[in-house]
Amino acid sequence: MQQRDTLFLLVDIGNSTVEFAPCDSTCMHRYPSTRLPTSTLIHSLPTLGWHQYQRVIVSSVVPSLDSHLSQWCTPYFVTAATIPYLKLGPVNASQVGADRLVNALAAYAITQKTTLVIDSGTATTFCLVSDEGVYQGGAIFPGMGISAQALHAYT
């Protein structure tokens, strides 16, 4: 990838995996993403070519890794206080993960109406966004892998 083509790097730091998705300034052209185990992030940071990105936008649910990332770039962390175009309804902002907010914003941007977002990862989350683009809250359940392990161990 050449610097002039890749301006932004979107980073999703999850409990199990980290995904890096380069995109142009409009995010209309997305380059192939890279996924790696979250447990290897610290050791992978020096190899990621940070100099080619003008902006690094991060959704992280692993705060202990945020400072490590900040050693390699100047990240813009998505939080309830910094996410644009999404209002929070009757929820405690400190209890809503950035991953859930990003998913809710993306789904609402596509539908522009009441939307239920279901994300199945380490956890399975359900989030509701109203017709007006207000994040109403949701629920978190164990993901399929954790549930399968629990069923195997306890039944």
N, C-alpha and C. Protein backbone atom coordinates (compact mmCIF):
# COMPACT_ATOMS: atom_id res chain seq x y z
N MET A 1 0.83 -1.17 0.00
CA MET A 1 0.00 0.00 0.00
C MET A 1 0.88 1.24 0.00
N GLN A 2 0.50 2.22 -0.74
CA GLN A 2 1.24 3.47 -0.79
C GLN A 2 0.61 4.47 0.16
N GLN A 3 1.44 5.37 0.67
CA GLN A 3 0.96 6.34 1.65
C GLN A 3 -0.19 7.18 1.10
N ARG A 4 -0.13 7.59 -0.15
CA ARG A 4 -1.17 8.46 -0.68
C ARG A 4 -2.52 7.75 -0.77
N ASP A 5 -2.52 6.42 -0.82
CA ASP A 5 -3.77 5.67 -0.90
C ASP A 5 -4.37 5.38 0.47
N THR A 6 -3.54 5.18 1.46
CA THR A 6 -4.01 4.77 2.77
C THR A 6 -3.83 5.90 3.77
N LEU A 7 -4.93 6.54 4.15
CA LEU A 7 -4.84 7.68 5.03
C LEU A 7 -5.25 7.36 6.46
N PHE A 8 -6.21 6.47 6.62
CA PHE A 8 -6.74 6.16 7.93
C PHE A 8 -6.53 4.69 8.26
N LEU A 9 -6.38 4.42 9.55
CA LEU A 9 -6.35 3.04 10.01
C LEU A 9 -7.41 2.90 11.08
N LEU A 10 -8.36 2.02 10.86
CA LEU A 10 -9.39 1.73 11.84
C LEU A 10 -8.92 0.52 12.63
N VAL A 11 -8.94 0.62 13.95
CA VAL A 11 -8.46 -0.46 14.81
C VAL A 11 -9.56 -0.84 15.78
N ASP A 12 -9.90 -2.11 15.82
CA ASP A 12 -10.90 -2.64 16.75
C ASP A 12 -10.19 -3.59 17.69
N ILE A 13 -9.97 -3.16 18.94
CA ILE A 13 -9.31 -4.01 19.93
C ILE A 13 -10.39 -4.69 20.75
N GLY A 14 -10.57 -5.97 20.50
CA GLY A 14 -11.57 -6.76 21.21
C GLY A 14 -10.91 -7.66 22.25
N ASN A 15 -11.72 -8.36 23.00
CA ASN A 15 -11.19 -9.25 24.02
C ASN A 15 -10.38 -10.40 23.44
N SER A 16 -10.77 -10.90 22.29
CA SER A 16 -10.10 -12.05 21.69
C SER A 16 -9.22 -11.69 20.50
N THR A 17 -9.67 -10.73 19.69
CA THR A 17 -8.91 -10.38 18.48
C THR A 17 -8.82 -8.87 18.31
N VAL A 18 -7.83 -8.46 17.52
CA VAL A 18 -7.66 -7.07 17.11
C VAL A 18 -7.74 -7.07 15.60
N GLU A 19 -8.52 -6.15 15.05
CA GLU A 19 -8.61 -6.04 13.60
C GLU A 19 -8.14 -4.65 13.17
N PHE A 20 -7.31 -4.63 12.14
CA PHE A 20 -6.78 -3.41 11.56
C PHE A 20 -7.37 -3.29 10.16
N ALA A 21 -8.05 -2.17 9.88
CA ALA A 21 -8.68 -1.98 8.57
C ALA A 21 -8.27 -0.63 8.00
N PRO A 22 -7.31 -0.61 7.08
CA PRO A 22 -6.94 0.64 6.41
C PRO A 22 -8.07 1.10 5.48
N CYS A 23 -8.23 2.42 5.37
CA CYS A 23 -9.22 2.95 4.43
C CYS A 23 -8.79 4.34 3.98
N ASP A 24 -9.40 4.80 2.88
CA ASP A 24 -9.07 6.14 2.41
C ASP A 24 -9.83 7.16 3.24
N SER A 25 -9.65 8.43 2.95
CA SER A 25 -10.21 9.48 3.79
C SER A 25 -11.73 9.49 3.82
N THR A 26 -12.37 8.91 2.82
CA THR A 26 -13.83 8.85 2.81
C THR A 26 -14.34 7.55 3.40
N CYS A 27 -13.43 6.62 3.63
CA CYS A 27 -13.76 5.26 4.07
C CYS A 27 -14.67 4.54 3.07
N MET A 28 -14.67 5.05 1.83
CA MET A 28 -15.43 4.38 0.77
C MET A 28 -14.61 3.25 0.15
N HIS A 29 -13.29 3.37 0.22
CA HIS A 29 -12.42 2.31 -0.28
C HIS A 29 -11.65 1.74 0.89
N ARG A 30 -11.96 0.50 1.18
CA ARG A 30 -11.32 -0.16 2.30
C ARG A 30 -10.37 -1.20 1.77
N TYR A 31 -9.19 -1.24 2.32
CA TYR A 31 -8.18 -2.22 1.92
C TYR A 31 -8.37 -3.48 2.75
N PRO A 32 -7.71 -4.57 2.37
CA PRO A 32 -7.84 -5.81 3.15
C PRO A 32 -7.45 -5.57 4.61
N SER A 33 -8.23 -6.14 5.50
CA SER A 33 -7.96 -5.97 6.93
C SER A 33 -7.05 -7.09 7.42
N THR A 34 -6.48 -6.85 8.58
CA THR A 34 -5.61 -7.82 9.23
C THR A 34 -6.17 -8.10 10.61
N ARG A 35 -6.20 -9.35 10.98
CA ARG A 35 -6.71 -9.74 12.29
C ARG A 35 -5.63 -10.54 13.00
N LEU A 36 -5.48 -10.26 14.30
CA LEU A 36 -4.54 -11.04 15.11
C LEU A 36 -5.09 -11.20 16.51
N PRO A 37 -4.59 -12.20 17.23
CA PRO A 37 -5.06 -12.40 18.61
C PRO A 37 -4.69 -11.19 19.48
N THR A 38 -5.59 -10.78 20.32
CA THR A 38 -5.34 -9.64 21.20
C THR A 38 -4.10 -9.87 22.06
N SER A 39 -3.88 -11.11 22.45
CA SER A 39 -2.73 -11.43 23.30
C SER A 39 -1.39 -11.14 22.63
N THR A 40 -1.37 -10.98 21.31
CA THR A 40 -0.11 -10.73 20.59
C THR A 40 0.06 -9.27 20.18
N LEU A 41 -0.90 -8.41 20.53
CA LEU A 41 -0.87 -7.03 20.05
C LEU A 41 0.41 -6.29 20.44
N ILE A 42 0.80 -6.36 21.69
CA ILE A 42 1.97 -5.59 22.15
C ILE A 42 3.20 -5.94 21.33
N HIS A 43 3.40 -7.22 21.04
CA HIS A 43 4.58 -7.65 20.29
C HIS A 43 4.47 -7.32 18.80
N SER A 44 3.26 -7.11 18.29
CA SER A 44 3.06 -6.82 16.87
C SER A 44 3.14 -5.33 16.56
N LEU A 45 2.97 -4.47 17.54
CA LEU A 45 2.91 -3.02 17.30
C LEU A 45 4.10 -2.47 16.50
N PRO A 46 5.35 -2.91 16.75
CA PRO A 46 6.46 -2.33 15.99
C PRO A 46 6.44 -2.67 14.50
N THR A 47 5.67 -3.64 14.09
CA THR A 47 5.70 -4.11 12.71
C THR A 47 4.58 -3.55 11.84
N LEU A 48 3.78 -2.65 12.35
CA LEU A 48 2.55 -2.26 11.66
C LEU A 48 2.66 -1.03 10.77
N GLY A 49 3.82 -0.44 10.59
CA GLY A 49 4.00 0.65 9.63
C GLY A 49 3.16 1.88 9.93
N TRP A 50 3.20 2.36 11.14
CA TRP A 50 2.35 3.46 11.58
C TRP A 50 2.56 4.73 10.76
N HIS A 51 3.74 4.97 10.24
CA HIS A 51 4.05 6.20 9.52
C HIS A 51 3.18 6.45 8.30
N GLN A 52 2.58 5.41 7.75
CA GLN A 52 1.80 5.58 6.52
C GLN A 52 0.38 6.08 6.76
N TYR A 53 -0.04 6.17 8.02
CA TYR A 53 -1.42 6.57 8.31
C TYR A 53 -1.46 7.98 8.87
N GLN A 54 -2.39 8.76 8.35
CA GLN A 54 -2.56 10.13 8.85
C GLN A 54 -3.40 10.16 10.11
N ARG A 55 -4.26 9.16 10.28
CA ARG A 55 -5.13 9.11 11.45
C ARG A 55 -5.37 7.67 11.82
N VAL A 56 -5.33 7.38 13.12
CA VAL A 56 -5.61 6.04 13.62
C VAL A 56 -6.81 6.17 14.55
N ILE A 57 -7.91 5.52 14.18
CA ILE A 57 -9.16 5.60 14.94
C ILE A 57 -9.37 4.25 15.61
N VAL A 58 -9.54 4.27 16.94
CA VAL A 58 -9.52 3.04 17.73
C VAL A 58 -10.80 2.86 18.52
N SER A 59 -11.35 1.66 18.41
CA SER A 59 -12.42 1.19 19.28
C SER A 59 -11.79 0.10 20.13
N SER A 60 -11.74 0.32 21.44
CA SER A 60 -11.05 -0.63 22.31
C SER A 60 -11.91 -1.00 23.51
N VAL A 61 -11.96 -2.30 23.79
CA VAL A 61 -12.60 -2.76 25.02
C VAL A 61 -11.57 -3.36 25.97
N VAL A 62 -10.28 -3.10 25.67
CA VAL A 62 -9.18 -3.58 26.52
C VAL A 62 -8.33 -2.37 26.90
N PRO A 63 -8.77 -1.59 27.88
CA PRO A 63 -8.07 -0.35 28.23
C PRO A 63 -6.59 -0.55 28.58
N SER A 64 -6.22 -1.69 29.08
CA SER A 64 -4.82 -1.92 29.45
C SER A 64 -3.88 -1.90 28.25
N LEU A 65 -4.42 -2.05 27.04
CA LEU A 65 -3.59 -2.01 25.84
C LEU A 65 -3.52 -0.62 25.20
N ASP A 66 -4.38 0.27 25.60
CA ASP A 66 -4.46 1.59 24.97
C ASP A 66 -3.14 2.36 25.07
N SER A 67 -2.50 2.33 26.22
CA SER A 67 -1.26 3.09 26.38
C SER A 67 -0.14 2.51 25.52
N HIS A 68 -0.15 1.21 25.29
CA HIS A 68 0.86 0.59 24.42
C HIS A 68 0.70 1.09 22.99
N LEU A 69 -0.54 1.19 22.54
CA LEU A 69 -0.82 1.70 21.20
C LEU A 69 -0.37 3.16 21.08
N SER A 70 -0.56 3.92 22.14
CA SER A 70 -0.20 5.34 22.13
C SER A 70 1.30 5.56 22.01
N GLN A 71 2.09 4.55 22.25
CA GLN A 71 3.54 4.67 22.08
C GLN A 71 3.95 4.66 20.61
N TRP A 72 3.08 4.17 19.73
CA TRP A 72 3.41 4.02 18.31
C TRP A 72 2.70 5.01 17.41
N CYS A 73 1.61 5.61 17.90
CA CYS A 73 0.85 6.53 17.07
C CYS A 73 0.07 7.47 17.99
N THR A 74 -0.67 8.39 17.39
CA THR A 74 -1.55 9.27 18.16
C THR A 74 -2.98 8.83 17.85
N PRO A 75 -3.48 7.89 18.62
CA PRO A 75 -4.80 7.35 18.30
C PRO A 75 -5.94 8.28 18.74
N TYR A 76 -7.03 8.18 18.00
CA TYR A 76 -8.29 8.82 18.37
C TYR A 76 -9.16 7.70 18.92
N PHE A 77 -9.38 7.69 20.23
CA PHE A 77 -10.16 6.63 20.85
C PHE A 77 -11.65 6.97 20.81
N VAL A 78 -12.43 6.06 20.28
CA VAL A 78 -13.88 6.21 20.27
C VAL A 78 -14.41 5.85 21.65
N THR A 79 -15.16 6.77 22.23
CA THR A 79 -15.82 6.54 23.52
C THR A 79 -17.22 7.13 23.44
N ALA A 80 -17.99 6.96 24.49
CA ALA A 80 -19.32 7.55 24.52
C ALA A 80 -19.23 9.08 24.41
N ALA A 81 -18.13 9.66 24.88
CA ALA A 81 -17.97 11.12 24.84
C ALA A 81 -17.46 11.63 23.49
N THR A 82 -16.83 10.76 22.70
CA THR A 82 -16.21 11.23 21.46
C THR A 82 -16.87 10.74 20.19
N ILE A 83 -17.80 9.80 20.28
CA ILE A 83 -18.40 9.26 19.06
C ILE A 83 -19.34 10.29 18.45
N PRO A 84 -19.16 10.59 17.17
CA PRO A 84 -20.03 11.59 16.54
C PRO A 84 -21.36 10.99 16.09
N TYR A 85 -22.36 11.83 15.96
CA TYR A 85 -23.64 11.47 15.33
C TYR A 85 -24.45 10.42 16.06
N LEU A 86 -24.12 10.12 17.30
CA LEU A 86 -24.90 9.14 18.06
C LEU A 86 -25.15 9.72 19.44
N LYS A 87 -26.43 9.84 19.79
CA LYS A 87 -26.79 10.34 21.12
C LYS A 87 -27.02 9.15 22.03
N LEU A 88 -26.75 9.34 23.30
CA LEU A 88 -27.00 8.28 24.27
C LEU A 88 -28.29 8.55 25.00
N GLY A 89 -29.12 7.53 25.09
CA GLY A 89 -30.39 7.64 25.80
C GLY A 89 -30.19 7.31 27.27
N PRO A 90 -31.11 6.55 27.83
CA PRO A 90 -31.10 6.29 29.27
C PRO A 90 -30.07 5.21 29.66
N VAL A 91 -28.80 5.47 29.34
CA VAL A 91 -27.75 4.50 29.69
C VAL A 91 -26.61 5.23 30.38
N ASN A 92 -25.85 4.49 31.15
CA ASN A 92 -24.66 5.03 31.79
C ASN A 92 -23.53 4.94 30.78
N ALA A 93 -23.07 6.08 30.29
CA ALA A 93 -22.07 6.12 29.22
C ALA A 93 -20.81 5.33 29.57
N SER A 94 -20.42 5.31 30.83
CA SER A 94 -19.19 4.60 31.21
C SER A 94 -19.35 3.09 31.13
N GLN A 95 -20.57 2.62 30.99
CA GLN A 95 -20.81 1.18 30.93
C GLN A 95 -21.07 0.67 29.51
N VAL A 96 -20.91 1.54 28.52
CA VAL A 96 -21.14 1.14 27.13
C VAL A 96 -19.80 1.05 26.42
N GLY A 97 -19.46 -0.14 25.94
CA GLY A 97 -18.20 -0.33 25.25
C GLY A 97 -18.17 0.38 23.91
N ALA A 98 -16.97 0.81 23.54
CA ALA A 98 -16.79 1.51 22.26
C ALA A 98 -17.21 0.65 21.09
N ASP A 99 -17.00 -0.66 21.18
CA ASP A 99 -17.39 -1.57 20.10
C ASP A 99 -18.89 -1.52 19.87
N ARG A 100 -19.66 -1.46 20.95
CA ARG A 100 -21.11 -1.42 20.82
C ARG A 100 -21.57 -0.10 20.22
N LEU A 101 -20.91 0.99 20.59
CA LEU A 101 -21.27 2.30 20.05
C LEU A 101 -20.97 2.38 18.55
N VAL A 102 -19.81 1.87 18.15
CA VAL A 102 -19.45 1.89 16.73
C VAL A 102 -20.42 1.04 15.93
N ASN A 103 -20.77 -0.13 16.44
CA ASN A 103 -21.75 -0.98 15.74
C ASN A 103 -23.10 -0.28 15.62
N ALA A 104 -23.53 0.35 16.71
CA ALA A 104 -24.82 1.04 16.70
C ALA A 104 -24.81 2.20 15.70
N LEU A 105 -23.74 2.97 15.69
CA LEU A 105 -23.64 4.09 14.75
C LEU A 105 -23.66 3.61 13.31
N ALA A 106 -22.89 2.56 13.02
CA ALA A 106 -22.84 2.04 11.65
C ALA A 106 -24.21 1.52 11.20
N ALA A 107 -24.86 0.77 12.07
CA ALA A 107 -26.17 0.22 11.71
C ALA A 107 -27.19 1.34 11.50
N TYR A 108 -27.17 2.33 12.37
CA TYR A 108 -28.12 3.44 12.22
C TYR A 108 -27.82 4.25 10.95
N ALA A 109 -26.55 4.44 10.65
CA ALA A 109 -26.18 5.19 9.44
C ALA A 109 -26.72 4.50 8.19
N ILE A 110 -26.78 3.19 8.22
CA ILE A 110 -27.29 2.43 7.07
C ILE A 110 -28.82 2.48 7.01
N THR A 111 -29.47 2.27 8.16
CA THR A 111 -30.93 2.13 8.15
C THR A 111 -31.70 3.43 8.35
N GLN A 112 -31.15 4.36 9.14
CA GLN A 112 -31.81 5.61 9.49
C GLN A 112 -33.18 5.38 10.13
N LYS A 113 -33.32 4.25 10.83
CA LYS A 113 -34.56 3.97 11.56
C LYS A 113 -34.23 3.07 12.75
N THR A 114 -35.23 2.77 13.55
CA THR A 114 -35.01 1.92 14.72
C THR A 114 -34.30 0.65 14.30
N THR A 115 -33.22 0.36 15.01
CA THR A 115 -32.36 -0.76 14.62
C THR A 115 -31.93 -1.56 15.84
N LEU A 116 -32.02 -2.87 15.73
CA LEU A 116 -31.48 -3.77 16.74
C LEU A 116 -30.20 -4.35 16.16
N VAL A 117 -29.09 -4.13 16.86
CA VAL A 117 -27.78 -4.60 16.41
C VAL A 117 -27.39 -5.80 17.25
N ILE A 118 -27.06 -6.90 16.59
CA ILE A 118 -26.61 -8.12 17.27
C ILE A 118 -25.19 -8.41 16.82
N ASP A 119 -24.28 -8.51 17.78
CA ASP A 119 -22.87 -8.77 17.49
C ASP A 119 -22.46 -10.02 18.25
N SER A 120 -21.97 -11.00 17.51
CA SER A 120 -21.57 -12.26 18.13
C SER A 120 -20.05 -12.40 18.06
N GLY A 121 -19.41 -12.22 19.20
CA GLY A 121 -17.97 -12.36 19.32
C GLY A 121 -17.68 -13.12 20.60
N THR A 122 -16.68 -12.67 21.35
CA THR A 122 -16.41 -13.27 22.65
C THR A 122 -17.67 -13.21 23.49
N ALA A 123 -18.38 -12.09 23.39
CA ALA A 123 -19.71 -11.92 23.99
C ALA A 123 -20.70 -11.71 22.85
N THR A 124 -21.96 -12.02 23.11
CA THR A 124 -23.02 -11.69 22.16
C THR A 124 -23.74 -10.48 22.74
N THR A 125 -23.77 -9.39 21.96
CA THR A 125 -24.40 -8.17 22.44
C THR A 125 -25.61 -7.82 21.59
N PHE A 126 -26.57 -7.21 22.23
CA PHE A 126 -27.76 -6.69 21.58
C PHE A 126 -27.83 -5.21 21.93
N CYS A 127 -27.98 -4.34 20.93
CA CYS A 127 -28.06 -2.90 21.16
C CYS A 127 -29.21 -2.33 20.33
N LEU A 128 -29.93 -1.40 20.92
CA LEU A 128 -31.08 -0.79 20.26
C LEU A 128 -30.83 0.69 20.02
N VAL A 129 -31.07 1.12 18.79
CA VAL A 129 -30.98 2.53 18.41
C VAL A 129 -32.36 2.95 17.92
N SER A 130 -32.84 4.10 18.41
CA SER A 130 -34.18 4.57 18.06
C SER A 130 -34.21 5.21 16.67
N ASP A 131 -35.41 5.52 16.21
CA ASP A 131 -35.60 6.22 14.93
C ASP A 131 -34.81 7.53 14.87
N GLU A 132 -34.62 8.16 16.02
CA GLU A 132 -33.93 9.45 16.07
C GLU A 132 -32.42 9.30 16.21
N GLY A 133 -31.91 8.08 16.18
CA GLY A 133 -30.47 7.86 16.31
C GLY A 133 -29.98 7.92 17.74
N VAL A 134 -30.85 7.58 18.69
CA VAL A 134 -30.48 7.60 20.11
C VAL A 134 -30.21 6.16 20.56
N TYR A 135 -29.01 5.94 21.09
CA TYR A 135 -28.65 4.64 21.61
C TYR A 135 -29.44 4.40 22.89
N GLN A 136 -30.28 3.36 22.88
CA GLN A 136 -31.19 3.10 23.99
C GLN A 136 -30.63 2.12 25.03
N GLY A 137 -29.59 1.41 24.67
CA GLY A 137 -29.03 0.41 25.58
C GLY A 137 -29.09 -0.96 24.96
N GLY A 138 -28.85 -1.96 25.77
CA GLY A 138 -28.86 -3.31 25.25
C GLY A 138 -28.50 -4.32 26.31
N ALA A 139 -28.04 -5.46 25.87
CA ALA A 139 -27.72 -6.55 26.78
C ALA A 139 -26.47 -7.28 26.28
N ILE A 140 -25.77 -7.88 27.23
CA ILE A 140 -24.57 -8.66 26.91
C ILE A 140 -24.76 -10.07 27.46
N PHE A 141 -24.45 -11.04 26.62
CA PHE A 141 -24.53 -12.45 27.00
C PHE A 141 -23.21 -13.13 26.64
N PRO A 142 -22.93 -14.28 27.24
CA PRO A 142 -21.72 -15.02 26.82
C PRO A 142 -21.81 -15.35 25.33
N GLY A 143 -20.66 -15.28 24.66
CA GLY A 143 -20.61 -15.63 23.24
C GLY A 143 -20.74 -17.12 23.05
N MET A 144 -20.79 -17.56 21.79
CA MET A 144 -21.01 -18.97 21.51
C MET A 144 -19.86 -19.83 22.01
N GLY A 145 -18.62 -19.35 21.89
CA GLY A 145 -17.48 -20.14 22.37
C GLY A 145 -17.51 -20.33 23.87
N ILE A 146 -17.76 -19.25 24.61
CA ILE A 146 -17.84 -19.34 26.06
C ILE A 146 -19.01 -20.21 26.48
N SER A 147 -20.13 -20.07 25.81
CA SER A 147 -21.31 -20.88 26.13
C SER A 147 -21.05 -22.36 25.89
N ALA A 148 -20.39 -22.67 24.78
CA ALA A 148 -20.07 -24.07 24.48
C ALA A 148 -19.13 -24.65 25.52
N GLN A 149 -18.14 -23.87 25.95
CA GLN A 149 -17.22 -24.34 26.99
C GLN A 149 -17.96 -24.59 28.29
N ALA A 150 -18.86 -23.69 28.65
CA ALA A 150 -19.62 -23.85 29.88
C ALA A 150 -20.53 -25.08 29.82
N LEU A 151 -21.19 -25.28 28.69
CA LEU A 151 -22.03 -26.47 28.55
C LEU A 151 -21.22 -27.75 28.66
N HIS A 152 -20.06 -27.74 28.04
CA HIS A 152 -19.19 -28.93 28.09
C HIS A 152 -18.71 -29.19 29.51
N ALA A 153 -18.34 -28.13 30.23
CA ALA A 153 -17.77 -28.28 31.57
C ALA A 153 -18.81 -28.61 32.63
N TYR A 154 -20.04 -28.14 32.45
CA TYR A 154 -21.02 -28.25 33.53
C TYR A 154 -22.23 -29.12 33.23
N THR A 155 -22.25 -29.79 32.08
CA THR A 155 -23.39 -30.67 31.81
C THR A 155 -22.91 -32.07 31.52
